[in-house]
C-alpha atoms as a PDB file:
ATOM      1  CA  PRO A   1      -7.651  -7.090 -22.841  1.00  0.00           C
ATOM      2  CA  ALA A   2     -11.096  -8.443 -22.000  1.00  0.00           C
ATOM      3  CA  ASN A   3     -12.615  -7.249 -18.728  1.00  0.00           C
ATOM      4  CA  CYS A   4     -10.032  -4.445 -18.463  1.00  0.00           C
ATOM      5  CA  PRO A   5     -11.260  -1.219 -16.819  1.00  0.00           C
ATOM      6  CA  LYS A   6     -10.585   1.943 -18.781  1.00  0.00           C
ATOM      7  CA  GLY A   7      -7.176   3.367 -17.903  1.00  0.00           C
ATOM      8  CA  LEU A   8      -5.660   0.064 -16.752  1.00  0.00           C
ATOM      9  CA  GLU A   9      -4.635  -1.224 -20.180  1.00  0.00           C
ATOM     10  CA  TYR A  10      -0.962  -0.740 -19.337  1.00  0.00           C
ATOM     11  CA  LEU A  11      -1.323  -2.518 -15.974  1.00  0.00           C
ATOM     12  CA  ALA A  12      -2.564  -5.565 -17.895  1.00  0.00           C
ATOM     13  CA  GLN A  13       0.797  -5.747 -19.709  1.00  0.00           C
ATOM     14  CA  VAL A  14       3.226  -5.731 -16.752  1.00  0.00           C
ATOM     15  CA  ASP A  15       4.274  -8.208 -14.077  1.00  0.00           C
ATOM     16  CA  GLN A  16       6.052  -5.857 -11.673  1.00  0.00           C
ATOM     17  CA  LEU A  17       5.796  -2.313 -10.340  1.00  0.00           C
ATOM     18  CA  LEU A  18       7.762   0.005  -8.089  1.00  0.00           C
ATOM     19  CA  ILE A  19       5.818   2.264  -5.724  1.00  0.00           C
ATOM     20  CA  LYS A  20       7.918   5.177  -4.550  1.00  0.00           C
ATOM     21  CA  GLN A  21       6.754   7.621  -1.896  1.00  0.00           C
ATOM     22  CA  LYS A  22       7.592  11.253  -2.641  1.00  0.00           C
ATOM     23  CA  VAL A  23       9.372  12.983   0.226  1.00  0.00           C
ATOM     24  CA  GLU A  24       7.642  15.997   1.706  1.00  0.00           C
ATOM     25  CA  ALA A  25      10.209  18.467   3.076  1.00  0.00           C
ATOM     26  CA  LEU A  26       7.678  20.079   5.428  1.00  0.00           C
ATOM     27  CA  GLU A  27       6.916  16.755   7.090  1.00  0.00           C
ATOM     28  CA  ALA A  28      10.575  15.679   7.258  1.00  0.00           C
ATOM     29  CA  PHE A  29      11.648  18.822   9.106  1.00  0.00           C
ATOM     30  CA  THR A  30       8.610  19.757  11.203  1.00  0.00           C
ATOM     31  CA  GLY A  31       6.844  16.463  11.889  1.00  0.00           C
ATOM     32  CA  PHE A  32       3.633  18.024  10.528  1.00  0.00           C
ATOM     33  CA  GLU A  33       1.698  15.268   8.797  1.00  0.00           C
ATOM     34  CA  THR A  34       1.180  15.920   5.092  1.00  0.00           C
ATOM     35  CA  ASN A  35      -0.817  14.011   2.481  1.00  0.00           C
ATOM     36  CA  ASN A  36       1.094  11.024   1.164  1.00  0.00           C
ATOM     37  CA  LYS A  37       2.065  11.103  -2.500  1.00  0.00           C
ATOM     38  CA  TYR A  38       3.522   8.234  -4.512  1.00  0.00           C
ATOM     39  CA  GLU A  39       4.860   7.523  -7.960  1.00  0.00           C
ATOM     40  CA  ILE A  40       4.109   4.147  -9.549  1.00  0.00           C
ATOM     41  CA  LEU A  41       6.856   3.117 -11.941  1.00  0.00           C
ATOM     42  CA  ASN A  42       7.472   0.264 -14.365  1.00  0.00           C
ATOM     43  CA  SER A  43      10.612  -1.876 -14.324  1.00  0.00           C
ATOM     44  CA  LEU A  44      12.424   0.726 -16.451  1.00  0.00           C
ATOM     45  CA  GLY A  45      11.771   3.449 -13.896  1.00  0.00           C
ATOM     46  CA  GLN A  46       9.168   5.210 -16.070  1.00  0.00           C
ATOM     47  CA  ARG A  47       6.179   6.701 -14.269  1.00  0.00           C
ATOM     48  CA  ILE A  48       2.922   5.086 -15.357  1.00  0.00           C
ATOM     49  CA  TYR A  49       0.652   6.270 -12.536  1.00  0.00           C
ATOM     50  CA  HIS A  50       0.849   8.522  -9.509  1.00  0.00           C
ATOM     51  CA  ALA A  51      -1.157   8.360  -6.297  1.00  0.00           C
ATOM     52  CA  VAL A  52      -2.352  11.186  -4.074  1.00  0.00           C
ATOM     53  CA  GLU A  53      -3.955  10.811  -0.669  1.00  0.00           C
ATOM     54  CA  ASP A  54      -7.146  12.861  -0.356  1.00  0.00           C
ATOM     55  CA  THR A  55      -7.518  13.346   3.416  1.00  0.00           C
ATOM     56  CA  CYS A  56      -8.135  16.540   5.380  1.00  0.00           C
ATOM     57  CA  CYS A  57      -5.375  18.115   7.477  1.00  0.00           C
ATOM     58  CA  CYS A  58      -7.184  17.576  10.794  1.00  0.00           C
ATOM     59  CA  THR A  59      -7.712  13.855  10.151  1.00  0.00           C
ATOM     60  CA  ARG A  60      -4.071  13.341   9.151  1.00  0.00           C
ATOM     61  CA  ASN A  61      -2.647  14.952  12.261  1.00  0.00           C
ATOM     62  CA  CYS A  62      -5.175  13.618  14.793  1.00  0.00           C
ATOM     63  CA  CYS A  63      -5.418  10.008  13.604  1.00  0.00           C
ATOM     64  CA  GLY A  64      -1.909   9.484  12.170  1.00  0.00           C
ATOM     65  CA  SER A  65      -1.392   6.179  10.391  1.00  0.00           C
ATOM     66  CA  SER A  66      -4.739   4.844  11.692  1.00  0.00           C
ATOM     67  CA  ARG A  67      -6.607   7.542   9.764  1.00  0.00           C
ATOM     68  CA  PRO A  68      -9.306   6.769   7.247  1.00  0.00           C
ATOM     69  CA  PHE A  69      -8.151   7.698   3.786  1.00  0.00           C
ATOM     70  CA  ASP A  70      -9.131   8.066   0.184  1.00  0.00           C
ATOM     71  CA  MET A  71      -6.351   7.545  -2.350  1.00  0.00           C
ATOM     72  CA  LYS A  72      -6.623   8.606  -5.954  1.00  0.00           C
ATOM     73  CA  ILE A  73      -4.442   6.789  -8.486  1.00  0.00           C
ATOM     74  CA  LEU A  74      -4.110   8.835 -11.655  1.00  0.00           C
ATOM     75  CA  ASN A  75      -2.578   8.222 -15.058  1.00  0.00           C
ATOM     76  CA  ASN A  76      -0.087  10.561 -16.700  1.00  0.00           C
ATOM     77  CA  GLN A  77      -2.976  12.626 -18.074  1.00  0.00           C
ATOM     78  CA  ASN A  78      -4.143  13.240 -14.460  1.00  0.00           C
ATOM     79  CA  GLN A  79      -7.266  11.135 -14.963  1.00  0.00           C
ATOM     80  CA  GLU A  80      -8.267   9.041 -11.939  1.00  0.00           C
ATOM     81  CA  VAL A  81      -8.218   5.357 -12.902  1.00  0.00           C
ATOM     82  CA  ILE A  82      -8.276   3.682  -9.448  1.00  0.00           C
ATOM     83  CA  HIS A  83      -9.838   4.886  -6.203  1.00  0.00           C
ATOM     84  CA  LEU A  84      -8.963   3.414  -2.786  1.00  0.00           C
ATOM     85  CA  SER A  85     -11.020   4.031   0.346  1.00  0.00           C
ATOM     86  CA  ARG A  86     -10.338   2.913   3.904  1.00  0.00           C
ATOM     87  CA  PRO A  87     -12.879   3.605   6.698  1.00  0.00           C
ATOM     88  CA  LEU A  88     -11.825   4.567  10.210  1.00  0.00           C
ATOM     89  CA  ARG A  89     -11.333   1.494  12.365  1.00  0.00           C
ATOM     90  CA  CYS A  90      -9.526   0.897  15.630  1.00  0.00           C
ATOM     91  CA  SER A  91      -6.042  -0.460  14.902  1.00  0.00           C
ATOM     92  CA  SER A  92      -6.021  -3.116  17.636  1.00  0.00           C
ATOM     93  CA  CYS A  93      -5.003  -6.535  16.309  1.00  0.00           C
ATOM     94  CA  TRP A  94      -6.685  -8.278  19.270  1.00  0.00           C
ATOM     95  CA  CYS A  95     -10.234  -7.624  18.128  1.00  0.00           C
ATOM     96  CA  PRO A  96     -11.552  -9.245  14.925  1.00  0.00           C
ATOM     97  CA  CYS A  97     -14.074  -6.389  14.485  1.00  0.00           C
ATOM     98  CA  CYS A  98     -11.151  -3.936  14.180  1.00  0.00           C
ATOM     99  CA  LEU A  99      -9.578  -5.569  11.151  1.00  0.00           C
ATOM    100  CA  GLN A 100      -8.703  -3.156   8.360  1.00  0.00           C
ATOM    101  CA  LYS A 101     -10.345  -3.109   4.939  1.00  0.00           C
ATOM    102  CA  VAL A 102      -9.747  -1.126   1.754  1.00  0.00           C
ATOM    103  CA  THR A 103     -12.211  -0.928  -1.125  1.00  0.00           C
ATOM    104  CA  VAL A 104     -10.609  -0.705  -4.566  1.00  0.00           C
ATOM    105  CA  GLU A 105     -12.624   0.850  -7.384  1.00  0.00           C
ATOM    106  CA  ALA A 106     -11.522   0.735 -11.037  1.00  0.00           C
ATOM    107  CA  PRO A 107     -12.765   2.844 -12.632  1.00  0.00           C
ATOM    108  CA  PRO A 108     -13.921   5.016  -9.698  1.00  0.00           C
ATOM    109  CA  GLY A 109     -17.472   4.046  -8.816  1.00  0.00           C
ATOM    110  CA  LYS A 110     -17.105   0.380  -9.801  1.00  0.00           C
ATOM    111  CA  VAL A 111     -15.705  -2.059  -7.220  1.00  0.00           C
ATOM    112  CA  ALA A 112     -12.754  -4.088  -8.514  1.00  0.00           C
ATOM    113  CA  GLY A 113     -12.003  -5.824  -5.219  1.00  0.00           C
ATOM    114  CA  TYR A 114     -11.214  -5.553  -1.535  1.00  0.00           C
ATOM    115  CA  VAL A 115      -8.084  -5.754   0.587  1.00  0.00           C
ATOM    116  CA  CYS A 116      -8.987  -7.321   3.949  1.00  0.00           C
ATOM    117  CA  GLN A 117      -6.793  -7.829   6.985  1.00  0.00           C
ATOM    118  CA  SER A 118      -7.057 -11.373   8.357  1.00  0.00           C
ATOM    119  CA  TRP A 119      -6.780 -11.991  12.085  1.00  0.00           C
ATOM    120  CA  SER A 120      -3.308 -13.113  13.110  1.00  0.00           C
ATOM    121  CA  LEU A 121      -1.455 -12.944  16.403  1.00  0.00           C
ATOM    122  CA  CYS A 122       2.020 -12.171  15.095  1.00  0.00           C
ATOM    123  CA  LYS A 123       2.567 -12.251  11.348  1.00  0.00           C
ATOM    124  CA  PRO A 124       0.572  -9.892   9.108  1.00  0.00           C
ATOM    125  CA  ARG A 125      -2.084 -11.641   7.019  1.00  0.00           C
ATOM    126  CA  MET A 126      -4.313 -10.189   4.308  1.00  0.00           C
ATOM    127  CA  ARG A 127      -6.839 -11.404   1.773  1.00  0.00           C
ATOM    128  CA  ILE A 128      -7.352 -10.059  -1.716  1.00  0.00           C
ATOM    129  CA  GLU A 129     -11.024 -10.426  -2.605  1.00  0.00           C
ATOM    130  CA  ASN A 130     -12.794  -9.873  -5.903  1.00  0.00           C
ATOM    131  CA  ALA A 131     -15.888  -7.690  -6.314  1.00  0.00           C
ATOM    132  CA  GLU A 132     -18.055 -10.632  -5.150  1.00  0.00           C
ATOM    133  CA  GLU A 133     -15.976 -10.801  -1.919  1.00  0.00           C
ATOM    134  CA  GLU A 134     -14.458 -14.169  -2.850  1.00  0.00           C
ATOM    135  CA  THR A 135     -10.848 -14.678  -1.778  1.00  0.00           C
ATOM    136  CA  VAL A 136      -8.557 -14.767  -4.827  1.00  0.00           C
ATOM    137  CA  LEU A 137      -5.150 -14.221  -3.173  1.00  0.00           C
ATOM    138  CA  ARG A 138      -3.608 -14.274   0.288  1.00  0.00           C
ATOM    139  CA  ILE A 139      -0.679 -12.214   1.597  1.00  0.00           C
ATOM    140  CA  LYS A 140       1.636 -13.440   4.358  1.00  0.00           C
ATOM    141  CA  GLY A 141       4.129 -11.110   6.023  1.00  0.00           C
ATOM    142  CA  PRO A 142       7.037 -11.580   8.464  1.00  0.00           C
ATOM    143  CA  CYS A 143       7.024 -11.008  12.231  1.00  0.00           C
ATOM    144  CA  CYS A 144       9.621  -8.251  11.894  1.00  0.00           C
ATOM    145  CA  GLN A 145       8.509  -5.152   9.982  1.00  0.00           C
ATOM    146  CA  LEU A 146      11.396  -2.936  11.102  1.00  0.00           C
ATOM    147  CA  ASN A 147      13.616  -1.308   8.489  1.00  0.00           C
ATOM    148  CA  ILE A 148      16.702  -2.520  10.337  1.00  0.00           C
ATOM    149  CA  CYS A 149      15.768  -6.029   9.151  1.00  0.00           C
ATOM    150  CA  GLY A 150      16.603  -4.993   5.567  1.00  0.00           C
ATOM    151  CA  ASP A 151      14.134  -5.690   2.745  1.00  0.00           C
ATOM    152  CA  ILE A 152      10.815  -6.846   4.200  1.00  0.00           C
ATOM    153  CA  GLU A 153       8.942  -9.379   2.097  1.00  0.00           C
ATOM    154  CA  PHE A 154       5.225 -10.118   2.016  1.00  0.00           C
ATOM    155  CA  ASP A 155       4.618 -13.257  -0.034  1.00  0.00           C
ATOM    156  CA  VAL A 156       1.486 -13.554  -2.171  1.00  0.00           C
ATOM    157  CA  TYR A 157      -0.223 -16.939  -2.491  1.00  0.00           C
ATOM    158  CA  ALA A 158      -3.235 -18.463  -4.164  1.00  0.00           C
ATOM    159  CA  PRO A 159      -6.228 -19.049  -1.820  1.00  0.00           C
ATOM    160  CA  ASP A 160      -4.833 -22.494  -0.900  1.00  0.00           C
ATOM    161  CA  GLU A 161      -1.898 -20.668   0.808  1.00  0.00           C
ATOM    162  CA  GLU A 162       0.491 -23.115  -0.859  1.00  0.00           C
ATOM    163  CA  THR A 163       0.852 -21.890  -4.459  1.00  0.00           C
ATOM    164  CA  TYR A 164       3.285 -18.965  -4.624  1.00  0.00           C
ATOM    165  CA  VAL A 165       2.041 -16.159  -6.885  1.00  0.00           C
ATOM    166  CA  GLY A 166       4.159 -13.071  -6.227  1.00  0.00           C
ATOM    167  CA  ARG A 167       5.628 -10.748  -3.635  1.00  0.00           C
ATOM    168  CA  VAL A 168       5.352  -7.282  -2.124  1.00  0.00           C
ATOM    169  CA  THR A 169       8.717  -6.013  -0.905  1.00  0.00           C
ATOM    170  CA  LYS A 170       9.324  -3.032   1.365  1.00  0.00           C
ATOM    171  CA  GLN A 171      12.740  -1.892   0.175  1.00  0.00           C
ATOM    172  CA  TRP A 172      15.302  -0.620   2.626  1.00  0.00           C
ATOM    173  CA  SER A 173      16.745   2.275   0.674  1.00  0.00           C
ATOM    174  CA  GLY A 174      19.885   2.972   2.680  1.00  0.00           C
ATOM    175  CA  LEU A 175      20.706   4.208   6.156  1.00  0.00           C
ATOM    176  CA  GLY A 176      20.755   7.940   5.431  1.00  0.00           C
ATOM    177  CA  LYS A 177      17.360   8.099   3.798  1.00  0.00           C
ATOM    178  CA  GLU A 178      15.654   5.893   6.355  1.00  0.00           C
ATOM    179  CA  LEU A 179      17.087   7.982   9.213  1.00  0.00           C
ATOM    180  CA  PHE A 180      15.769  11.326   8.075  1.00  0.00           C
ATOM    181  CA  THR A 181      12.529  10.718   6.196  1.00  0.00           C
ATOM    182  CA  ASP A 182       9.568   8.391   6.347  1.00  0.00           C
ATOM    183  CA  ALA A 183       9.502   7.881   2.580  1.00  0.00           C
ATOM    184  CA  ASP A 184       8.803   4.278   1.674  1.00  0.00           C
ATOM    185  CA  ASN A 185       9.603   2.309  -1.470  1.00  0.00           C
ATOM    186  CA  PHE A 186       7.815  -0.897  -2.386  1.00  0.00           C
ATOM    187  CA  GLY A 187       8.310  -3.425  -5.160  1.00  0.00           C
ATOM    188  CA  ILE A 188       5.475  -5.671  -6.263  1.00  0.00           C
ATOM    189  CA  SER A 189       5.561  -8.686  -8.569  1.00  0.00           C
ATOM    190  CA  PHE A 190       2.702 -10.815  -9.890  1.00  0.00           C
ATOM    191  CA  PRO A 191       1.957 -13.086 -12.867  1.00  0.00           C
ATOM    192  CA  LEU A 192       1.708 -11.276 -16.180  1.00  0.00           C
ATOM    193  CA  ASP A 193      -1.639 -12.946 -16.932  1.00  0.00           C
ATOM    194  CA  LEU A 194      -3.206 -12.158 -13.533  1.00  0.00           C
ATOM    195  CA  ASP A 195      -6.652 -10.576 -13.914  1.00  0.00           C
ATOM    196  CA  VAL A 196      -6.127  -6.808 -14.160  1.00  0.00           C
ATOM    197  CA  ASN A 197      -8.774  -6.160 -11.485  1.00  0.00           C
ATOM    198  CA  VAL A 198      -6.813  -8.372  -9.098  1.00  0.00           C
ATOM    199  CA  LYS A 199      -3.605  -6.521 -10.028  1.00  0.00           C
ATOM    200  CA  ALA A 200      -5.317  -3.227  -9.177  1.00  0.00           C
ATOM    201  CA  THR A 201      -6.501  -4.634  -5.840  1.00  0.00           C
ATOM    202  CA  LEU A 202      -3.032  -5.986  -5.064  1.00  0.00           C
ATOM    203  CA  LEU A 203      -1.682  -2.504  -5.776  1.00  0.00           C
ATOM    204  CA  GLY A 204      -4.181  -1.188  -3.225  1.00  0.00           C
ATOM    205  CA  ALA A 205      -2.785  -3.647  -0.665  1.00  0.00           C
ATOM    206  CA  VAL A 206       0.609  -1.915  -0.877  1.00  0.00           C
ATOM    207  CA  PHE A 207      -0.870   1.346   0.417  1.00  0.00           C
ATOM    208  CA  LEU A 208      -2.666  -0.389   3.298  1.00  0.00           C
ATOM    209  CA  LEU A 209       0.563  -2.183   4.257  1.00  0.00           C
ATOM    210  CA  ASP A 210       2.410   1.132   4.195  1.00  0.00           C
ATOM    211  CA  PHE A 211      -0.106   2.855   6.483  1.00  0.00           C
ATOM    212  CA  MET A 212      -0.442  -0.092   8.879  1.00  0.00           C
ATOM    213  CA  PHE A 213       3.138  -1.230   9.347  1.00  0.00           C
ATOM    214  CA  PHE A 214       5.608   1.411   8.195  1.00  0.00           C
ATOM    215  CA  GLU A 215       4.340   4.938   8.803  1.00  0.00           C
ATOM    216  CA  ASN A 216       4.437   4.690  12.599  1.00  0.00           C
ATOM    217  CA  ASN A 217       7.695   2.722  12.735  1.00  0.00           C
ATOM    218  CA  THR A 218       9.649   5.300  10.800  1.00  0.00           C
ATOM    219  CA  LYS A 219       8.041   8.290  12.480  1.00  0.00           C
ATOM    220  CA  LYS A 220       8.857   6.884  15.937  1.00  0.00           C
ATOM    221  CA  ASP A 221      12.442   6.361  14.842  1.00  0.00           C
ATOM    222  CA  ASP A 222      12.599   9.922  13.494  1.00  0.00           C
ATOM    223  CA  LYS A 223      11.203  11.361  16.724  1.00  0.00           C
ATOM    224  CA  MET A 224      13.656   9.402  18.875  1.00  0.00           C
ATOM    225  CA  LYS A 225      16.578  10.633  16.780  1.00  0.00           C
ATOM    226  CA  HIS A 226      15.272  14.218  16.928  1.00  0.00           C
ATOM    227  CA  ASP A 227      14.845  14.051  20.720  1.00  0.00           C
ATOM    228  CA  HIS A 228      18.309  12.542  21.072  1.00  0.00           C
ATOM    229  CA  HIS A 229      19.854  15.469  19.196  1.00  0.00           C
END
C-alpha cells in the first residue's frame, strides 16, 4: 500500500487486532515489577507482532504505572517495526500540563503520530494525532474502568466526535485470571482502509490506556487479596 512504513504491510490489511499481555510468574507471585510483554494477534489468533517494554528495573519498581517507557513492537522475525516512547509526567488529571503523551514511530526514527491525553474531569479522553500533530481520531472512555464492570469499551470517533470509527475493548477474561494476575487483554477494531500510520498510532494508544487505567487497578486488587489471605 502507498505510504506504508516497512514492516506494517500486514497491518494495512486488517481491521481488528487482539493485544494479549503475557503473564510473568515472578510478578504474579512476588509483586516485583517486571517488564511488560504482549502478543499482538489477528482475528484467527495468529501472532503477527509482539511488544516488549524496554525500561530499567529501578524505573519500573519506583514509578510503577506512571513510569516513562519505551516499547518495541517487533515482527515475527524480531525486527522492530514500531517504537513507542512515553516521557515521565505527573499522573494528576487536575493539571493540564500533566497530560500524558506517547510518540509513535514507524519505522523507528520516523514519527507516525502521537497519542495525547485530553483534559477531562471524569471520563478518559484521548486524541490520535498524525505526524503534523493534527487530530485525526478521538477516543472516549467510560467513567468506570474497573474489571468488575465487565468488558470496558473505549469508543473511537472521527475528529467531529460524532462519526463512530472503531473501538478499543479491555476484555474481562474471567474471575480466576483477573484475581491472580495483572495480565490484560485488549481488542481493537478500526476501518480496513484507515491509514496504516493511524492504525499504528491507535495501537500505541492501547498500551497507554493499559498503563494509565489498568495496571494500578489490578495490582491494588491483587495486594488487597494477598493481605486478606
